[in-house]
Amino acid sequence: MRLTDFGRAVRKARLDAHETLSTMAESLEVSPAFLSAMETGRKKIPEEWVKKTTQFFEERGVMVKDLGVYADMANKSVSLEGCDPQQQMLIAGFARSSFDAETLAKLADLLGAKKEED
């Protein structure tokens, strides 16, 4: 099965931290199958797991950028919890927009959210 952007980010960070899927799973007290399922999008990625994964890598001196965003993308959802009404309207409106690819690229550049090419 194909890796999600979340899975690619975790795999790269794991390699940078000199960890295997098995050693990471053992450290986090989960099965390698569980980690694999999250990397490939077969399981939803809870917010607490994003925090736990980020902490795991930070403890090993590896910084992972945008892991929460990649988790939202893999989950195909974004939580509006904690957002004020104006933010909620903006998020919902943007999600339902019909912007063309060029406009989306310009907005991504403006927001600093354009995915870096590998």
N, C-alpha and C. Protein backbone atom coordinates (compact mmCIF):
# COMPACT_ATOMS: atom_id res chain seq x y z
N MET A 1 0.84 -1.18 0.00
CA MET A 1 0.00 0.00 0.00
C MET A 1 0.89 1.25 0.00
N ARG A 2 0.41 2.31 -0.58
CA ARG A 2 1.16 3.55 -0.75
C ARG A 2 1.20 4.37 0.54
N LEU A 3 2.35 4.98 0.81
CA LEU A 3 2.49 5.84 1.98
C LEU A 3 1.76 7.16 1.78
N THR A 4 1.18 7.67 2.85
CA THR A 4 0.60 9.01 2.85
C THR A 4 1.74 10.01 3.06
N ASP A 5 1.43 11.31 2.93
CA ASP A 5 2.44 12.32 3.25
C ASP A 5 2.86 12.19 4.71
N PHE A 6 1.90 11.86 5.59
CA PHE A 6 2.23 11.61 6.99
C PHE A 6 3.22 10.45 7.08
N GLY A 7 2.95 9.38 6.38
CA GLY A 7 3.82 8.21 6.40
C GLY A 7 5.22 8.51 5.89
N ARG A 8 5.30 9.29 4.80
CA ARG A 8 6.62 9.67 4.27
C ARG A 8 7.39 10.51 5.28
N ALA A 9 6.70 11.46 5.93
CA ALA A 9 7.38 12.31 6.92
C ALA A 9 7.87 11.49 8.10
N VAL A 10 7.03 10.57 8.57
CA VAL A 10 7.42 9.72 9.71
C VAL A 10 8.58 8.80 9.30
N ARG A 11 8.48 8.21 8.13
CA ARG A 11 9.56 7.31 7.68
C ARG A 11 10.88 8.05 7.56
N LYS A 12 10.86 9.25 6.96
CA LYS A 12 12.10 10.03 6.84
C LYS A 12 12.65 10.37 8.22
N ALA A 13 11.79 10.81 9.11
CA ALA A 13 12.24 11.16 10.47
C ALA A 13 12.78 9.93 11.18
N ARG A 14 12.14 8.80 10.98
CA ARG A 14 12.60 7.56 11.62
C ARG A 14 13.99 7.19 11.12
N LEU A 15 14.22 7.33 9.81
CA LEU A 15 15.54 7.05 9.27
C LEU A 15 16.57 8.05 9.79
N ASP A 16 16.18 9.33 9.86
CA ASP A 16 17.08 10.36 10.39
C ASP A 16 17.43 10.09 11.85
N ALA A 17 16.49 9.48 12.58
CA ALA A 17 16.71 9.16 14.01
C ALA A 17 17.36 7.79 14.19
N HIS A 18 17.66 7.12 13.08
CA HIS A 18 18.26 5.78 13.11
C HIS A 18 17.39 4.78 13.86
N GLU A 19 16.09 4.86 13.59
CA GLU A 19 15.12 3.95 14.20
C GLU A 19 14.49 3.09 13.10
N THR A 20 14.14 1.88 13.44
CA THR A 20 13.39 1.03 12.53
C THR A 20 11.92 1.10 12.93
N LEU A 21 11.07 0.57 12.08
CA LEU A 21 9.65 0.51 12.41
C LEU A 21 9.47 -0.27 13.72
N SER A 22 10.20 -1.35 13.86
CA SER A 22 10.09 -2.19 15.06
C SER A 22 10.58 -1.48 16.32
N THR A 23 11.73 -0.80 16.23
CA THR A 23 12.25 -0.13 17.43
C THR A 23 11.38 1.05 17.83
N MET A 24 10.84 1.76 16.84
CA MET A 24 9.94 2.87 17.15
C MET A 24 8.67 2.33 17.81
N ALA A 25 8.12 1.28 17.24
CA ALA A 25 6.90 0.67 17.79
C ALA A 25 7.14 0.21 19.22
N GLU A 26 8.27 -0.41 19.45
CA GLU A 26 8.59 -0.89 20.81
C GLU A 26 8.70 0.29 21.78
N SER A 27 9.36 1.35 21.37
CA SER A 27 9.51 2.54 22.23
C SER A 27 8.17 3.18 22.56
N LEU A 28 7.24 3.16 21.60
CA LEU A 28 5.94 3.79 21.79
C LEU A 28 4.87 2.81 22.29
N GLU A 29 5.30 1.57 22.52
CA GLU A 29 4.43 0.52 23.06
C GLU A 29 3.21 0.26 22.17
N VAL A 30 3.47 0.16 20.87
CA VAL A 30 2.45 -0.23 19.90
C VAL A 30 3.07 -1.28 18.99
N SER A 31 2.27 -1.87 18.16
CA SER A 31 2.79 -2.89 17.23
C SER A 31 3.32 -2.22 15.96
N PRO A 32 4.29 -2.87 15.31
CA PRO A 32 4.74 -2.36 14.02
C PRO A 32 3.59 -2.27 13.01
N ALA A 33 2.64 -3.19 13.09
CA ALA A 33 1.48 -3.17 12.19
C ALA A 33 0.66 -1.90 12.39
N PHE A 34 0.53 -1.45 13.65
CA PHE A 34 -0.19 -0.22 13.95
C PHE A 34 0.49 0.97 13.29
N LEU A 35 1.81 1.07 13.45
CA LEU A 35 2.55 2.18 12.82
C LEU A 35 2.42 2.13 11.30
N SER A 36 2.55 0.95 10.75
CA SER A 36 2.45 0.78 9.31
C SER A 36 1.07 1.21 8.81
N ALA A 37 0.02 0.84 9.54
CA ALA A 37 -1.34 1.20 9.13
C ALA A 37 -1.55 2.71 9.14
N MET A 38 -0.92 3.40 10.06
CA MET A 38 -1.06 4.87 10.08
C MET A 38 -0.26 5.49 8.94
N GLU A 39 0.89 4.92 8.63
CA GLU A 39 1.71 5.46 7.55
C GLU A 39 1.03 5.30 6.19
N THR A 40 0.26 4.25 6.04
CA THR A 40 -0.37 3.97 4.75
C THR A 40 -1.81 4.46 4.68
N GLY A 41 -2.30 5.07 5.76
CA GLY A 41 -3.65 5.62 5.74
C GLY A 41 -4.75 4.62 6.02
N ARG A 42 -4.38 3.42 6.46
CA ARG A 42 -5.41 2.42 6.79
C ARG A 42 -6.04 2.69 8.14
N LYS A 43 -5.40 3.51 8.97
CA LYS A 43 -5.95 3.92 10.26
C LYS A 43 -5.94 5.43 10.35
N LYS A 44 -6.94 5.98 11.02
CA LYS A 44 -6.98 7.41 11.30
C LYS A 44 -5.86 7.74 12.28
N ILE A 45 -5.38 8.95 12.22
CA ILE A 45 -4.27 9.39 13.07
C ILE A 45 -4.82 10.36 14.10
N PRO A 46 -4.98 9.92 15.35
CA PRO A 46 -5.50 10.81 16.38
C PRO A 46 -4.51 11.92 16.70
N GLU A 47 -5.03 13.07 17.14
CA GLU A 47 -4.19 14.22 17.49
C GLU A 47 -3.17 13.85 18.56
N GLU A 48 -3.58 13.05 19.54
CA GLU A 48 -2.63 12.67 20.59
C GLU A 48 -1.48 11.84 20.02
N TRP A 49 -1.75 11.11 18.95
CA TRP A 49 -0.68 10.32 18.33
C TRP A 49 0.31 11.24 17.62
N VAL A 50 -0.19 12.31 17.00
CA VAL A 50 0.70 13.29 16.36
C VAL A 50 1.64 13.87 17.41
N LYS A 51 1.09 14.22 18.56
CA LYS A 51 1.91 14.78 19.65
C LYS A 51 2.93 13.76 20.14
N LYS A 52 2.50 12.52 20.31
CA LYS A 52 3.39 11.46 20.80
C LYS A 52 4.52 11.20 19.80
N THR A 53 4.17 11.18 18.52
CA THR A 53 5.17 10.94 17.48
C THR A 53 6.16 12.10 17.39
N THR A 54 5.63 13.31 17.45
CA THR A 54 6.49 14.49 17.42
C THR A 54 7.46 14.47 18.60
N GLN A 55 6.96 14.17 19.79
CA GLN A 55 7.82 14.10 20.98
C GLN A 55 8.88 13.01 20.83
N PHE A 56 8.48 11.86 20.28
CA PHE A 56 9.41 10.76 20.06
C PHE A 56 10.61 11.23 19.23
N PHE A 57 10.33 11.94 18.15
CA PHE A 57 11.42 12.41 17.29
C PHE A 57 12.21 13.55 17.92
N GLU A 58 11.53 14.46 18.61
CA GLU A 58 12.23 15.57 19.27
C GLU A 58 13.23 15.04 20.30
N GLU A 59 12.84 14.00 21.03
CA GLU A 59 13.74 13.39 22.02
C GLU A 59 14.99 12.80 21.38
N ARG A 60 14.91 12.55 20.08
CA ARG A 60 16.04 11.99 19.34
C ARG A 60 16.73 13.05 18.48
N GLY A 61 16.36 14.31 18.69
CA GLY A 61 16.99 15.42 17.97
C GLY A 61 16.54 15.59 16.54
N VAL A 62 15.37 15.03 16.20
CA VAL A 62 14.86 15.15 14.84
C VAL A 62 13.58 15.97 14.85
N MET A 63 13.58 17.05 14.09
CA MET A 63 12.40 17.91 14.01
C MET A 63 11.58 17.50 12.79
N VAL A 64 10.29 17.35 12.98
CA VAL A 64 9.39 16.97 11.89
C VAL A 64 8.42 18.13 11.67
N LYS A 65 8.50 18.75 10.51
CA LYS A 65 7.66 19.90 10.18
C LYS A 65 6.33 19.43 9.61
N ASP A 66 5.26 20.08 10.03
CA ASP A 66 3.92 19.89 9.46
C ASP A 66 3.31 18.50 9.69
N LEU A 67 3.75 17.77 10.70
CA LEU A 67 3.22 16.44 10.94
C LEU A 67 1.72 16.47 11.19
N GLY A 68 1.24 17.47 11.94
CA GLY A 68 -0.19 17.61 12.19
C GLY A 68 -0.98 17.87 10.92
N VAL A 69 -0.43 18.68 10.03
CA VAL A 69 -1.09 18.96 8.75
C VAL A 69 -1.14 17.68 7.92
N TYR A 70 -0.04 16.94 7.89
CA TYR A 70 -0.03 15.68 7.13
C TYR A 70 -1.03 14.67 7.72
N ALA A 71 -1.18 14.67 9.03
CA ALA A 71 -2.16 13.78 9.66
C ALA A 71 -3.57 14.18 9.23
N ASP A 72 -3.86 15.49 9.24
CA ASP A 72 -5.17 15.97 8.79
C ASP A 72 -5.44 15.53 7.35
N MET A 73 -4.42 15.64 6.51
CA MET A 73 -4.58 15.24 5.12
C MET A 73 -4.84 13.74 5.01
N ALA A 74 -4.10 12.94 5.76
CA ALA A 74 -4.29 11.48 5.73
C ALA A 74 -5.67 11.11 6.24
N ASN A 75 -6.12 11.83 7.27
CA ASN A 75 -7.44 11.57 7.85
C ASN A 75 -8.58 12.12 7.00
N LYS A 76 -8.22 12.99 6.05
CA LYS A 76 -9.20 13.67 5.21
C LYS A 76 -10.20 14.48 6.05
N SER A 77 -9.67 15.07 7.14
CA SER A 77 -10.50 15.92 7.99
C SER A 77 -9.63 16.88 8.78
N VAL A 78 -10.24 17.99 9.18
CA VAL A 78 -9.57 18.99 10.00
C VAL A 78 -10.51 19.32 11.15
N SER A 79 -10.01 19.25 12.35
CA SER A 79 -10.83 19.58 13.50
C SER A 79 -11.00 21.09 13.60
N LEU A 80 -12.22 21.52 13.88
CA LEU A 80 -12.49 22.94 14.10
C LEU A 80 -12.48 23.28 15.59
N GLU A 81 -12.23 22.27 16.40
CA GLU A 81 -12.20 22.46 17.85
C GLU A 81 -11.12 23.47 18.21
N GLY A 82 -11.48 24.42 19.02
CA GLY A 82 -10.53 25.44 19.47
C GLY A 82 -10.43 26.63 18.53
N CYS A 83 -11.09 26.56 17.39
CA CYS A 83 -11.07 27.68 16.44
C CYS A 83 -12.23 28.62 16.76
N ASP A 84 -11.97 29.91 16.64
CA ASP A 84 -13.07 30.86 16.85
C ASP A 84 -14.00 30.81 15.63
N PRO A 85 -15.21 31.37 15.74
CA PRO A 85 -16.17 31.29 14.63
C PRO A 85 -15.64 31.82 13.29
N GLN A 86 -14.86 32.87 13.32
CA GLN A 86 -14.32 33.42 12.07
C GLN A 86 -13.37 32.41 11.42
N GLN A 87 -12.53 31.77 12.22
CA GLN A 87 -11.62 30.74 11.68
C GLN A 87 -12.42 29.57 11.12
N GLN A 88 -13.48 29.17 11.84
CA GLN A 88 -14.30 28.06 11.37
C GLN A 88 -14.94 28.39 10.02
N MET A 89 -15.46 29.61 9.88
CA MET A 89 -16.06 30.02 8.61
C MET A 89 -15.01 30.03 7.49
N LEU A 90 -13.82 30.52 7.79
CA LEU A 90 -12.76 30.56 6.79
C LEU A 90 -12.37 29.14 6.35
N ILE A 91 -12.18 28.26 7.32
CA ILE A 91 -11.80 26.88 7.00
C ILE A 91 -12.89 26.19 6.17
N ALA A 92 -14.12 26.28 6.62
CA ALA A 92 -15.23 25.64 5.90
C ALA A 92 -15.40 26.25 4.50
N GLY A 93 -15.31 27.56 4.41
CA GLY A 93 -15.45 28.22 3.11
C GLY A 93 -14.33 27.84 2.16
N PHE A 94 -13.12 27.78 2.67
CA PHE A 94 -11.98 27.40 1.84
C PHE A 94 -12.11 25.96 1.36
N ALA A 95 -12.54 25.08 2.26
CA ALA A 95 -12.68 23.66 1.91
C ALA A 95 -13.71 23.47 0.80
N ARG A 96 -14.71 24.33 0.75
CA ARG A 96 -15.77 24.20 -0.25
C ARG A 96 -15.54 25.10 -1.47
N SER A 97 -14.40 25.74 -1.53
CA SER A 97 -14.13 26.67 -2.63
C SER A 97 -13.89 25.91 -3.93
N SER A 98 -13.95 26.65 -5.01
CA SER A 98 -13.68 26.06 -6.32
C SER A 98 -12.50 26.76 -6.98
N PHE A 99 -11.46 27.06 -6.18
CA PHE A 99 -10.27 27.72 -6.70
C PHE A 99 -9.58 26.81 -7.71
N ASP A 100 -9.01 27.43 -8.76
CA ASP A 100 -8.24 26.65 -9.72
C ASP A 100 -6.84 26.39 -9.15
N ALA A 101 -6.08 25.54 -9.81
CA ALA A 101 -4.76 25.14 -9.31
C ALA A 101 -3.81 26.34 -9.16
N GLU A 102 -3.87 27.28 -10.08
CA GLU A 102 -2.99 28.45 -10.02
C GLU A 102 -3.30 29.31 -8.80
N THR A 103 -4.58 29.53 -8.53
CA THR A 103 -4.98 30.33 -7.37
C THR A 103 -4.59 29.62 -6.08
N LEU A 104 -4.80 28.30 -6.03
CA LEU A 104 -4.40 27.54 -4.84
C LEU A 104 -2.90 27.62 -4.60
N ALA A 105 -2.11 27.55 -5.66
CA ALA A 105 -0.65 27.65 -5.53
C ALA A 105 -0.25 29.01 -4.98
N LYS A 106 -0.91 30.07 -5.46
CA LYS A 106 -0.61 31.41 -4.98
C LYS A 106 -0.98 31.56 -3.50
N LEU A 107 -2.14 31.01 -3.12
CA LEU A 107 -2.55 31.06 -1.71
C LEU A 107 -1.58 30.27 -0.83
N ALA A 108 -1.17 29.10 -1.31
CA ALA A 108 -0.23 28.28 -0.54
C ALA A 108 1.09 29.04 -0.34
N ASP A 109 1.57 29.70 -1.39
CA ASP A 109 2.80 30.50 -1.26
C ASP A 109 2.61 31.61 -0.24
N LEU A 110 1.47 32.29 -0.33
CA LEU A 110 1.17 33.38 0.58
C LEU A 110 1.14 32.90 2.03
N LEU A 111 0.57 31.74 2.25
CA LEU A 111 0.46 31.18 3.60
C LEU A 111 1.71 30.43 4.04
N GLY A 112 2.67 30.28 3.14
CA GLY A 112 3.87 29.54 3.49
C GLY A 112 3.59 28.06 3.66
N ALA A 113 2.55 27.58 3.00
CA ALA A 113 2.13 26.19 3.18
C ALA A 113 2.44 25.32 1.97
N LYS A 114 3.19 25.84 1.02
CA LYS A 114 3.49 25.05 -0.18
C LYS A 114 4.41 23.91 0.20
N LYS A 115 4.07 22.72 -0.23
CA LYS A 115 4.87 21.53 0.08
C LYS A 115 6.21 21.63 -0.63
N GLU A 116 7.26 21.41 0.13
CA GLU A 116 8.60 21.44 -0.45
C GLU A 116 8.78 20.21 -1.31
N GLU A 117 9.38 20.40 -2.47
CA GLU A 117 9.64 19.27 -3.37
C GLU A 117 10.80 18.46 -2.82
N ASP A 118 10.67 17.13 -2.93
CA ASP A 118 11.74 16.23 -2.43
C ASP A 118 12.89 16.18 -3.40
